Structure formats: C-alpha cells, structure tokens
Amino acid sequence: MAETYPENIYTSCFDNSAHITSIISEGQLPSGNVYSAILTGNPDFTYRIAFSINYTIDKIRLPELIKSGSLISKDLSKWYSDKDRLIENEGKNFITSMKGISSSITDSSDLEKKIGRLSFKQP
C-alpha cells in the first residue's frame, strides 16, 4: 500500500543556532574638547563602548512568526539583518541616554527590556 501525504502543507527548516550582533558607540564627552584644551596634558575625553549580543529565535514563537508571514526560511538572513539593525538602534539609543549621567553604566535592564520587546529569547 502506497503512503499518501497531505498536499496542503510544506516543511521548512530553520537554523536555530545563536546569532551574534555587535553594538559600538564612539564619541566625545560633552565639552570634552573644551576641557582638553584648558587642562594640562590635553587629556582625552573620548569614549568607546562596545558589546555583543547573542540571540536565537524562540522555538515557541516560531510557528507564530511563520504564520504571520514575518519569517520565511529562505529569508532568514534578511530577518536576522533586520533584527540586528533594531538591536543596534536600541543599543545606541540606550548608550546615548546614558550620556550626562555621572554614575557608571552597570544596569542594563532598560536595554534588556527594549531588546526583549523585539521578541528574542536569550540562548
């Protein structure tokens, strides 16, 4: 007896390995050039903040993403590129919001909340 398969379904394969994106923000502290010019030794008031984020597609949300048309297996690299841009923008906005605050950056919960809204699951 021959096996029969439904004709109204299709199978897609998704690579669910961790994806890595990096965020880099560089600049100079406010009025850094003024202070540098008047202080002995011309101190450097530039900064560079860099970090990487590893993320994967939440397996539980995968059917929902496919059903909504947000994710197609052949467009997976484009989907990741789009999400990388969103993460990069949120990261840079977070860093920008920290300018002018005299304490060190130790609490990243605000950034984590914003990135979490992008529907990612940390590996």
PDB file of N, CA and C in Angstrom:
ATOM      1  N   MET A   1       0.831  -1.166   0.000  1.00  0.00           N
ATOM      2  CA  MET A   1       0.000   0.000   0.000  1.00  0.00           C
ATOM      3  C   MET A   1       0.891   1.249   0.000  1.00  0.00           C
ATOM      4  N   ALA A   2       0.631   2.166  -0.886  1.00  0.00           N
ATOM      5  CA  ALA A   2       1.441   3.372  -1.008  1.00  0.00           C
ATOM      6  C   ALA A   2       1.048   4.385   0.060  1.00  0.00           C
ATOM      7  N   GLU A   3       2.078   5.078   0.561  1.00  0.00           N
ATOM      8  CA  GLU A   3       1.815   6.116   1.559  1.00  0.00           C
ATOM      9  C   GLU A   3       1.334   7.381   0.855  1.00  0.00           C
ATOM     10  N   THR A   4       0.417   8.060   1.489  1.00  0.00           N
ATOM     11  CA  THR A   4      -0.058   9.329   0.950  1.00  0.00           C
ATOM     12  C   THR A   4       0.255  10.443   1.939  1.00  0.00           C
ATOM     13  N   TYR A   5       0.522  11.610   1.415  1.00  0.00           N
ATOM     14  CA  TYR A   5       0.864  12.755   2.238  1.00  0.00           C
ATOM     15  C   TYR A   5      -0.079  13.900   1.901  1.00  0.00           C
ATOM     16  N   PRO A   6      -0.406  14.709   2.880  1.00  0.00           N
ATOM     17  CA  PRO A   6      -1.262  15.874   2.591  1.00  0.00           C
ATOM     18  C   PRO A   6      -0.574  16.790   1.587  1.00  0.00           C
ATOM     19  N   GLU A   7      -1.340  17.365   0.711  1.00  0.00           N
ATOM     20  CA  GLU A   7      -0.778  18.237  -0.310  1.00  0.00           C
ATOM     21  C   GLU A   7      -0.860  19.720   0.062  1.00  0.00           C
ATOM     22  N   ASN A   8      -1.508  20.032   1.174  1.00  0.00           N
ATOM     23  CA  ASN A   8      -1.687  21.431   1.539  1.00  0.00           C
ATOM     24  C   ASN A   8      -0.720  21.883   2.647  1.00  0.00           C
ATOM     25  N   ILE A   9       0.367  21.180   2.823  1.00  0.00           N
ATOM     26  CA  ILE A   9       1.360  21.566   3.822  1.00  0.00           C
ATOM     27  C   ILE A   9       2.742  21.605   3.187  1.00  0.00           C
ATOM     28  N   TYR A  10       3.638  22.283   3.839  1.00  0.00           N
ATOM     29  CA  TYR A  10       5.021  22.288   3.395  1.00  0.00           C
ATOM     30  C   TYR A  10       5.917  22.293   4.628  1.00  0.00           C
ATOM     31  N   THR A  11       7.120  21.864   4.435  1.00  0.00           N
ATOM     32  CA  THR A  11       8.076  21.791   5.531  1.00  0.00           C
ATOM     33  C   THR A  11       9.196  22.783   5.277  1.00  0.00           C
ATOM     34  N   SER A  12       9.538  23.526   6.310  1.00  0.00           N
ATOM     35  CA  SER A  12      10.650  24.468   6.232  1.00  0.00           C
ATOM     36  C   SER A  12      11.638  24.139   7.325  1.00  0.00           C
ATOM     37  N   CYS A  13      12.895  24.297   7.019  1.00  0.00           N
ATOM     38  CA  CYS A  13      13.948  24.064   8.001  1.00  0.00           C
ATOM     39  C   CYS A  13      14.571  25.397   8.402  1.00  0.00           C
ATOM     40  N   PHE A  14      14.776  25.585   9.690  1.00  0.00           N
ATOM     41  CA  PHE A  14      15.368  26.810  10.205  1.00  0.00           C
ATOM     42  C   PHE A  14      16.591  26.466  11.038  1.00  0.00           C
ATOM     43  N   ASP A  15      17.654  27.181  10.796  1.00  0.00           N
ATOM     44  CA  ASP A  15      18.854  27.044  11.612  1.00  0.00           C
ATOM     45  C   ASP A  15      18.631  27.873  12.867  1.00  0.00           C
ATOM     46  N   ASN A  16      18.596  27.231  14.009  1.00  0.00           N
ATOM     47  CA  ASN A  16      18.315  27.942  15.248  1.00  0.00           C
ATOM     48  C   ASN A  16      19.572  28.133  16.099  1.00  0.00           C
ATOM     49  N   SER A  17      20.718  28.175  15.437  1.00  0.00           N
ATOM     50  CA  SER A  17      21.943  28.434  16.193  1.00  0.00           C
ATOM     51  C   SER A  17      21.977  29.907  16.598  1.00  0.00           C
ATOM     52  N   ALA A  18      22.743  30.201  17.626  1.00  0.00           N
ATOM     53  CA  ALA A  18      22.814  31.567  18.143  1.00  0.00           C
ATOM     54  C   ALA A  18      23.347  32.521  17.076  1.00  0.00           C
ATOM     55  N   HIS A  19      22.753  33.676  17.024  1.00  0.00           N
ATOM     56  CA  HIS A  19      23.175  34.736  16.111  1.00  0.00           C
ATOM     57  C   HIS A  19      23.814  35.826  16.957  1.00  0.00           C
ATOM     58  N   ILE A  20      24.895  36.405  16.485  1.00  0.00           N
ATOM     59  CA  ILE A  20      25.631  37.409  17.248  1.00  0.00           C
ATOM     60  C   ILE A  20      25.598  38.737  16.504  1.00  0.00           C
ATOM     61  N   THR A  21      25.289  39.801  17.237  1.00  0.00           N
ATOM     62  CA  THR A  21      25.372  41.146  16.684  1.00  0.00           C
ATOM     63  C   THR A  21      26.149  42.023  17.660  1.00  0.00           C
ATOM     64  N   SER A  22      26.870  42.965  17.130  1.00  0.00           N
ATOM     65  CA  SER A  22      27.694  43.842  17.958  1.00  0.00           C
ATOM     66  C   SER A  22      27.209  45.279  17.857  1.00  0.00           C
ATOM     67  N   ILE A  23      27.361  45.990  18.954  1.00  0.00           N
ATOM     68  CA  ILE A  23      26.979  47.396  19.017  1.00  0.00           C
ATOM     69  C   ILE A  23      28.210  48.177  19.460  1.00  0.00           C
ATOM     70  N   ILE A  24      28.532  49.215  18.716  1.00  0.00           N
ATOM     71  CA  ILE A  24      29.677  50.060  19.043  1.00  0.00           C
ATOM     72  C   ILE A  24      29.216  51.514  19.001  1.00  0.00           C
ATOM     73  N   SER A  25      29.539  52.240  20.036  1.00  0.00           N
ATOM     74  CA  SER A  25      29.225  53.666  20.078  1.00  0.00           C
ATOM     75  C   SER A  25      30.491  54.407  20.480  1.00  0.00           C
ATOM     76  N   GLU A  26      30.851  55.402  19.692  1.00  0.00           N
ATOM     77  CA  GLU A  26      32.054  56.179  19.966  1.00  0.00           C
ATOM     78  C   GLU A  26      31.701  57.659  19.948  1.00  0.00           C
ATOM     79  N   GLY A  27      32.416  58.420  20.708  1.00  0.00           N
ATOM     80  CA  GLY A  27      32.174  59.855  20.710  1.00  0.00           C
ATOM     81  C   GLY A  27      33.067  60.553  21.718  1.00  0.00           C
ATOM     82  N   GLN A  28      32.690  61.768  22.020  1.00  0.00           N
ATOM     83  CA  GLN A  28      33.430  62.555  22.991  1.00  0.00           C
ATOM     84  C   GLN A  28      32.447  63.063  24.037  1.00  0.00           C
ATOM     85  N   LEU A  29      32.884  63.068  25.281  1.00  0.00           N
ATOM     86  CA  LEU A  29      32.030  63.558  26.345  1.00  0.00           C
ATOM     87  C   LEU A  29      31.672  65.020  26.094  1.00  0.00           C
ATOM     88  N   PRO A  30      30.498  65.444  26.563  1.00  0.00           N
ATOM     89  CA  PRO A  30      30.102  66.838  26.350  1.00  0.00           C
ATOM     90  C   PRO A  30      31.178  67.807  26.849  1.00  0.00           C
ATOM     91  N   SER A  31      31.502  68.760  26.046  1.00  0.00           N
ATOM     92  CA  SER A  31      32.528  69.773  26.344  1.00  0.00           C
ATOM     93  C   SER A  31      33.917  69.169  26.538  1.00  0.00           C
ATOM     94  N   GLY A  32      34.105  67.935  26.109  1.00  0.00           N
ATOM     95  CA  GLY A  32      35.408  67.280  26.248  1.00  0.00           C
ATOM     96  C   GLY A  32      36.526  68.037  25.572  1.00  0.00           C
ATOM     97  N   ASN A  33      36.242  68.589  24.403  1.00  0.00           N
ATOM     98  CA  ASN A  33      37.290  69.334  23.682  1.00  0.00           C
ATOM     99  C   ASN A  33      37.660  70.618  24.419  1.00  0.00           C
ATOM    100  N   VAL A  34      36.688  71.245  25.097  1.00  0.00           N
ATOM    101  CA  VAL A  34      36.978  72.462  25.861  1.00  0.00           C
ATOM    102  C   VAL A  34      37.885  72.138  27.049  1.00  0.00           C
ATOM    103  N   TYR A  35      37.493  71.090  27.813  1.00  0.00           N
ATOM    104  CA  TYR A  35      38.299  70.702  28.974  1.00  0.00           C
ATOM    105  C   TYR A  35      39.690  70.244  28.550  1.00  0.00           C
ATOM    106  N   SER A  36      39.757  69.510  27.473  1.00  0.00           N
ATOM    107  CA  SER A  36      41.045  69.019  26.992  1.00  0.00           C
ATOM    108  C   SER A  36      41.986  70.169  26.655  1.00  0.00           C
ATOM    109  N   ALA A  37      41.428  71.224  26.087  1.00  0.00           N
ATOM    110  CA  ALA A  37      42.254  72.362  25.674  1.00  0.00           C
ATOM    111  C   ALA A  37      42.790  73.153  26.868  1.00  0.00           C
ATOM    112  N   ILE A  38      42.037  73.181  27.974  1.00  0.00           N
ATOM    113  CA  ILE A  38      42.485  74.012  29.099  1.00  0.00           C
ATOM    114  C   ILE A  38      43.223  73.232  30.185  1.00  0.00           C
ATOM    115  N   LEU A  39      43.115  71.916  30.176  1.00  0.00           N
ATOM    116  CA  LEU A  39      43.803  71.115  31.185  1.00  0.00           C
ATOM    117  C   LEU A  39      45.206  70.737  30.710  1.00  0.00           C
ATOM    118  N   THR A  40      46.102  70.620  31.658  1.00  0.00           N
ATOM    119  CA  THR A  40      47.478  70.253  31.356  1.00  0.00           C
ATOM    120  C   THR A  40      47.527  68.852  30.749  1.00  0.00           C
ATOM    121  N   GLY A  41      48.280  68.720  29.705  1.00  0.00           N
ATOM    122  CA  GLY A  41      48.479  67.414  29.070  1.00  0.00           C
ATOM    123  C   GLY A  41      47.418  67.045  28.050  1.00  0.00           C
ATOM    124  N   ASN A  42      46.491  67.941  27.765  1.00  0.00           N
ATOM    125  CA  ASN A  42      45.422  67.658  26.800  1.00  0.00           C
ATOM    126  C   ASN A  42      44.805  66.266  26.994  1.00  0.00           C
ATOM    127  N   PRO A  43      44.149  66.023  28.145  1.00  0.00           N
ATOM    128  CA  PRO A  43      43.564  64.686  28.372  1.00  0.00           C
ATOM    129  C   PRO A  43      42.504  64.349  27.321  1.00  0.00           C
ATOM    130  N   ASP A  44      42.333  63.083  27.115  1.00  0.00           N
ATOM    131  CA  ASP A  44      41.409  62.566  26.110  1.00  0.00           C
ATOM    132  C   ASP A  44      40.051  62.308  26.763  1.00  0.00           C
ATOM    133  N   PHE A  45      39.009  62.930  26.246  1.00  0.00           N
ATOM    134  CA  PHE A  45      37.661  62.751  26.778  1.00  0.00           C
ATOM    135  C   PHE A  45      36.767  61.990  25.794  1.00  0.00           C
ATOM    136  N   THR A  46      37.382  61.179  24.964  1.00  0.00           N
ATOM    137  CA  THR A  46      36.594  60.359  24.046  1.00  0.00           C
ATOM    138  C   THR A  46      36.215  59.061  24.751  1.00  0.00           C
ATOM    139  N   TYR A  47      35.221  58.399  24.206  1.00  0.00           N
ATOM    140  CA  TYR A  47      34.797  57.114  24.752  1.00  0.00           C
ATOM    141  C   TYR A  47      34.508  56.151  23.615  1.00  0.00           C
ATOM    142  N   ARG A  48      34.551  54.885  23.947  1.00  0.00           N
ATOM    143  CA  ARG A  48      34.183  53.816  23.019  1.00  0.00           C
ATOM    144  C   ARG A  48      33.527  52.719  23.845  1.00  0.00           C
ATOM    145  N   ILE A  49      32.279  52.456  23.552  1.00  0.00           N
ATOM    146  CA  ILE A  49      31.542  51.396  24.235  1.00  0.00           C
ATOM    147  C   ILE A  49      31.195  50.354  23.183  1.00  0.00           C
ATOM    148  N   ALA A  50      31.546  49.111  23.468  1.00  0.00           N
ATOM    149  CA  ALA A  50      31.262  48.027  22.520  1.00  0.00           C
ATOM    150  C   ALA A  50      30.771  46.810  23.292  1.00  0.00           C
ATOM    151  N   PHE A  51      29.745  46.177  22.760  1.00  0.00           N
ATOM    152  CA  PHE A  51      29.288  44.920  23.335  1.00  0.00           C
ATOM    153  C   PHE A  51      28.609  44.086  22.261  1.00  0.00           C
ATOM    154  N   SER A  52      28.513  42.808  22.535  1.00  0.00           N
ATOM    155  CA  SER A  52      27.878  41.873  21.599  1.00  0.00           C
ATOM    156  C   SER A  52      26.685  41.222  22.275  1.00  0.00           C
ATOM    157  N   ILE A  53      25.712  40.878  21.467  1.00  0.00           N
ATOM    158  CA  ILE A  53      24.511  40.206  21.956  1.00  0.00           C
ATOM    159  C   ILE A  53      24.333  38.928  21.139  1.00  0.00           C
ATOM    160  N   ASN A  54      24.165  37.816  21.836  1.00  0.00           N
ATOM    161  CA  ASN A  54      23.838  36.536  21.200  1.00  0.00           C
ATOM    162  C   ASN A  54      22.341  36.317  21.352  1.00  0.00           C
ATOM    163  N   TYR A  55      21.679  35.923  20.279  1.00  0.00           N
ATOM    164  CA  TYR A  55      20.257  35.639  20.386  1.00  0.00           C
ATOM    165  C   TYR A  55      19.865  34.543  19.404  1.00  0.00           C
ATOM    166  N   THR A  56      18.735  33.929  19.699  1.00  0.00           N
ATOM    167  CA  THR A  56      18.162  32.911  18.821  1.00  0.00           C
ATOM    168  C   THR A  56      16.668  33.191  18.675  1.00  0.00           C
ATOM    169  N   ILE A  57      16.058  32.545  17.724  1.00  0.00           N
ATOM    170  CA  ILE A  57      14.608  32.613  17.568  1.00  0.00           C
ATOM    171  C   ILE A  57      14.007  31.697  18.622  1.00  0.00           C
ATOM    172  N   ASP A  58      13.033  32.200  19.346  1.00  0.00           N
ATOM    173  CA  ASP A  58      12.353  31.405  20.359  1.00  0.00           C
ATOM    174  C   ASP A  58      11.545  30.312  19.639  1.00  0.00           C
ATOM    175  N   LYS A  59      11.863  29.059  19.908  1.00  0.00           N
ATOM    176  CA  LYS A  59      11.193  27.942  19.227  1.00  0.00           C
ATOM    177  C   LYS A  59       9.685  27.960  19.437  1.00  0.00           C
ATOM    178  N   ILE A  60       9.267  28.451  20.577  1.00  0.00           N
ATOM    179  CA  ILE A  60       7.832  28.524  20.877  1.00  0.00           C
ATOM    180  C   ILE A  60       7.137  29.531  19.957  1.00  0.00           C
ATOM    181  N   ARG A  61       7.825  30.611  19.617  1.00  0.00           N
ATOM    182  CA  ARG A  61       7.243  31.665  18.772  1.00  0.00           C
ATOM    183  C   ARG A  61       7.411  31.396  17.285  1.00  0.00           C
ATOM    184  N   LEU A  62       8.206  30.413  16.908  1.00  0.00           N
ATOM    185  CA  LEU A  62       8.480  30.144  15.501  1.00  0.00           C
ATOM    186  C   LEU A  62       7.208  29.924  14.678  1.00  0.00           C
ATOM    187  N   PRO A  63       6.269  29.081  15.114  1.00  0.00           N
ATOM    188  CA  PRO A  63       5.044  28.914  14.311  1.00  0.00           C
ATOM    189  C   PRO A  63       4.271  30.223  14.123  1.00  0.00           C
ATOM    190  N   GLU A  64       4.222  31.039  15.164  1.00  0.00           N
ATOM    191  CA  GLU A  64       3.528  32.331  15.087  1.00  0.00           C
ATOM    192  C   GLU A  64       4.204  33.254  14.073  1.00  0.00           C
ATOM    193  N   LEU A  65       5.538  33.288  14.079  1.00  0.00           N
ATOM    194  CA  LEU A  65       6.280  34.130  13.137  1.00  0.00           C
ATOM    195  C   LEU A  65       6.061  33.675  11.699  1.00  0.00           C
ATOM    196  N   ILE A  66       6.015  32.369  11.494  1.00  0.00           N
ATOM    197  CA  ILE A  66       5.796  31.820  10.153  1.00  0.00           C
ATOM    198  C   ILE A  66       4.366  32.108   9.698  1.00  0.00           C
ATOM    199  N   LYS A  67       3.416  31.848  10.584  1.00  0.00           N
ATOM    200  CA  LYS A  67       2.003  32.043  10.239  1.00  0.00           C
ATOM    201  C   LYS A  67       1.706  33.504   9.887  1.00  0.00           C
ATOM    202  N   SER A  68       2.336  34.433  10.609  1.00  0.00           N
ATOM    203  CA  SER A  68       2.094  35.860  10.354  1.00  0.00           C
ATOM    204  C   SER A  68       2.819  36.352   9.103  1.00  0.00           C
ATOM    205  N   GLY A  69       3.712  35.529   8.557  1.00  0.00           N
ATOM    206  CA  GLY A  69       4.478  35.926   7.384  1.00  0.00           C
ATOM    207  C   GLY A  69       5.727  36.724   7.731  1.00  0.00           C
ATOM    208  N   SER A  70       6.019  36.864   9.032  1.00  0.00           N
ATOM    209  CA  SER A  70       7.194  37.618   9.468  1.00  0.00           C
ATOM    210  C   SER A  70       8.496  36.881   9.184  1.00  0.00           C
ATOM    211  N   LEU A  71       8.405  35.581   9.052  1.00  0.00           N
ATOM    212  CA  LEU A  71       9.615  34.781   8.892  1.00  0.00           C
ATOM    213  C   LEU A  71       9.389  33.675   7.876  1.00  0.00           C
ATOM    214  N   ILE A  72      10.249  33.644   6.874  1.00  0.00           N
ATOM    215  CA  ILE A  72      10.237  32.600   5.850  1.00  0.00           C
ATOM    216  C   ILE A  72      11.645  32.035   5.814  1.00  0.00           C
ATOM    217  N   SER A  73      11.776  30.725   5.744  1.00  0.00           N
ATOM    218  CA  SER A  73      13.100  30.108   5.857  1.00  0.00           C
ATOM    219  C   SER A  73      14.095  30.644   4.834  1.00  0.00           C
ATOM    220  N   LYS A  74      13.640  30.931   3.616  1.00  0.00           N
ATOM    221  CA  LYS A  74      14.580  31.423   2.600  1.00  0.00           C
ATOM    222  C   LYS A  74      15.014  32.860   2.876  1.00  0.00           C
ATOM    223  N   ASP A  75      14.267  33.596   3.728  1.00  0.00           N
ATOM    224  CA  ASP A  75      14.602  34.976   4.069  1.00  0.00           C
ATOM    225  C   ASP A  75      15.197  35.106   5.470  1.00  0.00           C
ATOM    226  N   LEU A  76      15.700  34.012   6.026  1.00  0.00           N
ATOM    227  CA  LEU A  76      16.204  34.035   7.394  1.00  0.00           C
ATOM    228  C   LEU A  76      17.350  35.022   7.576  1.00  0.00           C
ATOM    229  N   SER A  77      18.261  35.099   6.618  1.00  0.00           N
ATOM    230  CA  SER A  77      19.384  36.028   6.759  1.00  0.00           C
ATOM    231  C   SER A  77      18.892  37.477   6.727  1.00  0.00           C
ATOM    232  N   LYS A  78      17.880  37.779   5.916  1.00  0.00           N
ATOM    233  CA  LYS A  78      17.302  39.131   5.893  1.00  0.00           C
ATOM    234  C   LYS A  78      16.611  39.421   7.219  1.00  0.00           C
ATOM    235  N   TRP A  79      15.906  38.440   7.764  1.00  0.00           N
ATOM    236  CA  TRP A  79      15.230  38.614   9.051  1.00  0.00           C
ATOM    237  C   TRP A  79      16.252  38.957  10.131  1.00  0.00           C
ATOM    238  N   TYR A  80      17.360  38.203  10.159  1.00  0.00           N
ATOM    239  CA  TYR A  80      18.410  38.483  11.143  1.00  0.00           C
ATOM    240  C   TYR A  80      19.011  39.873  10.908  1.00  0.00           C
ATOM    241  N   SER A  81      19.233  40.260   9.677  1.00  0.00           N
ATOM    242  CA  SER A  81      19.780  41.595   9.382  1.00  0.00           C
ATOM    243  C   SER A  81      18.851  42.697   9.890  1.00  0.00           C
ATOM    244  N   ASP A  82      17.555  42.516   9.665  1.00  0.00           N
ATOM    245  CA  ASP A  82      16.575  43.491  10.152  1.00  0.00           C
ATOM    246  C   ASP A  82      16.603  43.578  11.679  1.00  0.00           C
ATOM    247  N   LYS A  83      16.651  42.433  12.343  1.00  0.00           N
ATOM    248  CA  LYS A  83      16.687  42.415  13.810  1.00  0.00           C
ATOM    249  C   LYS A  83      18.003  42.994  14.320  1.00  0.00           C
ATOM    250  N   ASP A  84      19.104  42.725  13.616  1.00  0.00           N
ATOM    251  CA  ASP A  84      20.397  43.311  14.010  1.00  0.00           C
ATOM    252  C   ASP A  84      20.316  44.831  14.009  1.00  0.00           C
ATOM    253  N   ARG A  85      19.688  45.399  12.987  1.00  0.00           N
ATOM    254  CA  ARG A  85      19.547  46.862  12.911  1.00  0.00           C
ATOM    255  C   ARG A  85      18.699  47.396  14.063  1.00  0.00           C
ATOM    256  N   LEU A  86      17.611  46.690  14.387  1.00  0.00           N
ATOM    257  CA  LEU A  86      16.776  47.109  15.508  1.00  0.00           C
ATOM    258  C   LEU A  86      17.553  47.060  16.821  1.00  0.00           C
ATOM    259  N   ILE A  87      18.294  45.986  17.025  1.00  0.00           N
ATOM    260  CA  ILE A  87      19.088  45.848  18.249  1.00  0.00           C
ATOM    261  C   ILE A  87      20.153  46.926  18.309  1.00  0.00           C
ATOM    262  N   GLU A  88      20.815  47.182  17.190  1.00  0.00           N
ATOM    263  CA  GLU A  88      21.854  48.206  17.148  1.00  0.00           C
ATOM    264  C   GLU A  88      21.273  49.579  17.483  1.00  0.00           C
ATOM    265  N   ASN A  89      20.113  49.902  16.906  1.00  0.00           N
ATOM    266  CA  ASN A  89      19.478  51.195  17.193  1.00  0.00           C
ATOM    267  C   ASN A  89      19.091  51.322  18.661  1.00  0.00           C
ATOM    268  N   GLU A  90      18.489  50.269  19.220  1.00  0.00           N
ATOM    269  CA  GLU A  90      18.111  50.304  20.639  1.00  0.00           C
ATOM    270  C   GLU A  90      19.348  50.422  21.520  1.00  0.00           C
ATOM    271  N   GLY A  91      20.409  49.707  21.165  1.00  0.00           N
ATOM    272  CA  GLY A  91      21.647  49.776  21.943  1.00  0.00           C
ATOM    273  C   GLY A  91      22.257  51.166  21.915  1.00  0.00           C
ATOM    274  N   LYS A  92      22.313  51.749  20.731  1.00  0.00           N
ATOM    275  CA  LYS A  92      22.872  53.103  20.622  1.00  0.00           C
ATOM    276  C   LYS A  92      21.993  54.130  21.331  1.00  0.00           C
ATOM    277  N   ASN A  93      20.677  53.963  21.255  1.00  0.00           N
ATOM    278  CA  ASN A  93      19.778  54.862  21.979  1.00  0.00           C
ATOM    279  C   ASN A  93      19.992  54.743  23.488  1.00  0.00           C
ATOM    280  N   PHE A  94      20.195  53.520  23.955  1.00  0.00           N
ATOM    281  CA  PHE A  94      20.461  53.295  25.376  1.00  0.00           C
ATOM    282  C   PHE A  94      21.749  53.993  25.790  1.00  0.00           C
ATOM    283  N   ILE A  95      22.790  53.827  24.996  1.00  0.00           N
ATOM    284  CA  ILE A  95      24.073  54.455  25.313  1.00  0.00           C
ATOM    285  C   ILE A  95      23.933  55.974  25.297  1.00  0.00           C
ATOM    286  N   THR A  96      23.235  56.499  24.298  1.00  0.00           N
ATOM    287  CA  THR A  96      23.019  57.941  24.205  1.00  0.00           C
ATOM    288  C   THR A  96      22.262  58.452  25.430  1.00  0.00           C
ATOM    289  N   SER A  97      21.294  57.687  25.895  1.00  0.00           N
ATOM    290  CA  SER A  97      20.511  58.115  27.058  1.00  0.00           C
ATOM    291  C   SER A  97      21.357  58.144  28.325  1.00  0.00           C
ATOM    292  N   MET A  98      22.475  57.424  28.333  1.00  0.00           N
ATOM    293  CA  MET A  98      23.355  57.382  29.498  1.00  0.00           C
ATOM    294  C   MET A  98      24.312  58.566  29.546  1.00  0.00           C
ATOM    295  N   LYS A  99      24.458  59.301  28.452  1.00  0.00           N
ATOM    296  CA  LYS A  99      25.358  60.454  28.442  1.00  0.00           C
ATOM    297  C   LYS A  99      24.864  61.481  29.443  1.00  0.00           C
ATOM    298  N   GLY A 100      25.790  62.083  30.151  1.00  0.00           N
ATOM    299  CA  GLY A 100      25.433  63.102  31.124  1.00  0.00           C
ATOM    300  C   GLY A 100      25.124  62.542  32.495  1.00  0.00           C
ATOM    301  N   ILE A 101      25.059  61.235  32.625  1.00  0.00           N
ATOM    302  CA  ILE A 101      24.837  60.614  33.928  1.00  0.00           C
ATOM    303  C   ILE A 101      26.210  60.334  34.528  1.00  0.00           C
ATOM    304  N   SER A 102      26.416  60.797  35.739  1.00  0.00           N
ATOM    305  CA  SER A 102      27.767  60.717  36.307  1.00  0.00           C
ATOM    306  C   SER A 102      28.131  59.322  36.799  1.00  0.00           C
ATOM    307  N   SER A 103      27.161  58.453  37.028  1.00  0.00           N
ATOM    308  CA  SER A 103      27.492  57.113  37.512  1.00  0.00           C
ATOM    309  C   SER A 103      27.896  56.213  36.349  1.00  0.00           C
ATOM    310  N   SER A 104      28.556  55.134  36.671  1.00  0.00           N
ATOM    311  CA  SER A 104      28.974  54.204  35.624  1.00  0.00           C
ATOM    312  C   SER A 104      27.781  53.397  35.135  1.00  0.00           C
ATOM    313  N   ILE A 105      27.907  52.857  33.948  1.00  0.00           N
ATOM    314  CA  ILE A 105      26.827  52.041  33.376  1.00  0.00           C
ATOM    315  C   ILE A 105      26.959  50.637  33.958  1.00  0.00           C
ATOM    316  N   THR A 106      26.072  50.320  34.890  1.00  0.00           N
ATOM    317  CA  THR A 106      26.107  48.992  35.493  1.00  0.00           C
ATOM    318  C   THR A 106      24.773  48.278  35.352  1.00  0.00           C
ATOM    319  N   ASP A 107      23.712  49.024  35.091  1.00  0.00           N
ATOM    320  CA  ASP A 107      22.388  48.428  34.996  1.00  0.00           C
ATOM    321  C   ASP A 107      21.910  48.494  33.554  1.00  0.00           C
ATOM    322  N   SER A 108      21.870  47.351  32.902  1.00  0.00           N
ATOM    323  CA  SER A 108      21.439  47.308  31.508  1.00  0.00           C
ATOM    324  C   SER A 108      20.003  46.809  31.384  1.00  0.00           C
ATOM    325  N   SER A 109      19.242  46.816  32.489  1.00  0.00           N
ATOM    326  CA  SER A 109      17.886  46.259  32.446  1.00  0.00           C
ATOM    327  C   SER A 109      16.986  47.017  31.473  1.00  0.00           C
ATOM    328  N   ASP A 110      17.180  48.339  31.334  1.00  0.00           N
ATOM    329  CA  ASP A 110      16.367  49.101  30.389  1.00  0.00           C
ATOM    330  C   ASP A 110      16.605  48.623  28.967  1.00  0.00           C
ATOM    331  N   LEU A 111      17.873  48.430  28.610  1.00  0.00           N
ATOM    332  CA  LEU A 111      18.206  47.918  27.280  1.00  0.00           C
ATOM    333  C   LEU A 111      17.640  46.511  27.095  1.00  0.00           C
ATOM    334  N   GLU A 112      17.778  45.664  28.106  1.00  0.00           N
ATOM    335  CA  GLU A 112      17.268  44.295  28.017  1.00  0.00           C
ATOM    336  C   GLU A 112      15.760  44.295  27.785  1.00  0.00           C
ATOM    337  N   LYS A 113      15.042  45.210  28.455  1.00  0.00           N
ATOM    338  CA  LYS A 113      13.586  45.289  28.259  1.00  0.00           C
ATOM    339  C   LYS A 113      13.259  45.682  26.829  1.00  0.00           C
ATOM    340  N   LYS A 114      13.979  46.678  26.296  1.00  0.00           N
ATOM    341  CA  LYS A 114      13.715  47.133  24.931  1.00  0.00           C
ATOM    342  C   LYS A 114      14.027  46.037  23.930  1.00  0.00           C
ATOM    343  N   ILE A 115      15.147  45.361  24.116  1.00  0.00           N
ATOM    344  CA  ILE A 115      15.518  44.286  23.198  1.00  0.00           C
ATOM    345  C   ILE A 115      14.539  43.123  23.360  1.00  0.00           C
ATOM    346  N   GLY A 116      14.110  42.848  24.567  1.00  0.00           N
ATOM    347  CA  GLY A 116      13.139  41.779  24.823  1.00  0.00           C
ATOM    348  C   GLY A 116      11.844  41.994  24.068  1.00  0.00           C
ATOM    349  N   ARG A 117      11.461  43.275  23.871  1.00  0.00           N
ATOM    350  CA  ARG A 117      10.242  43.568  23.131  1.00  0.00           C
ATOM    351  C   ARG A 117      10.387  43.216  21.653  1.00  0.00           C
ATOM    352  N   LEU A 118      11.607  42.964  21.214  1.00  0.00           N
ATOM    353  CA  LEU A 118      11.815  42.576  19.826  1.00  0.00           C
ATOM    354  C   LEU A 118      11.554  41.093  19.617  1.00  0.00           C
ATOM    355  N   SER A 119      11.090  40.412  20.670  1.00  0.00           N
ATOM    356  CA  SER A 119      10.695  39.003  20.621  1.00  0.00           C
ATOM    357  C   SER A 119      11.869  38.071  20.405  1.00  0.00           C
ATOM    358  N   PHE A 120      12.874  38.229  21.208  1.00  0.00           N
ATOM    359  CA  PHE A 120      14.013  37.338  21.182  1.00  0.00           C
ATOM    360  C   PHE A 120      14.054  36.546  22.465  1.00  0.00           C
ATOM    361  N   LYS A 121      14.744  35.455  22.413  1.00  0.00           N
ATOM    362  CA  LYS A 121      14.980  34.652  23.597  1.00  0.00           C
ATOM    363  C   LYS A 121      16.473  34.493  23.724  1.00  0.00           C
ATOM    364  N   GLN A 122      16.990  34.788  24.898  1.00  0.00           N
ATOM    365  CA  GLN A 122      18.431  34.640  25.090  1.00  0.00           C
ATOM    366  C   GLN A 122      18.776  33.160  25.101  1.00  0.00           C
ATOM    367  N   PRO A 123      19.909  32.781  24.471  1.00  0.00           N
ATOM    368  CA  PRO A 123      20.284  31.358  24.438  1.00  0.00           C
ATOM    369  C   PRO A 123      20.729  30.872  25.801  1.00  0.00           C
TER     370      PRO A 123
END
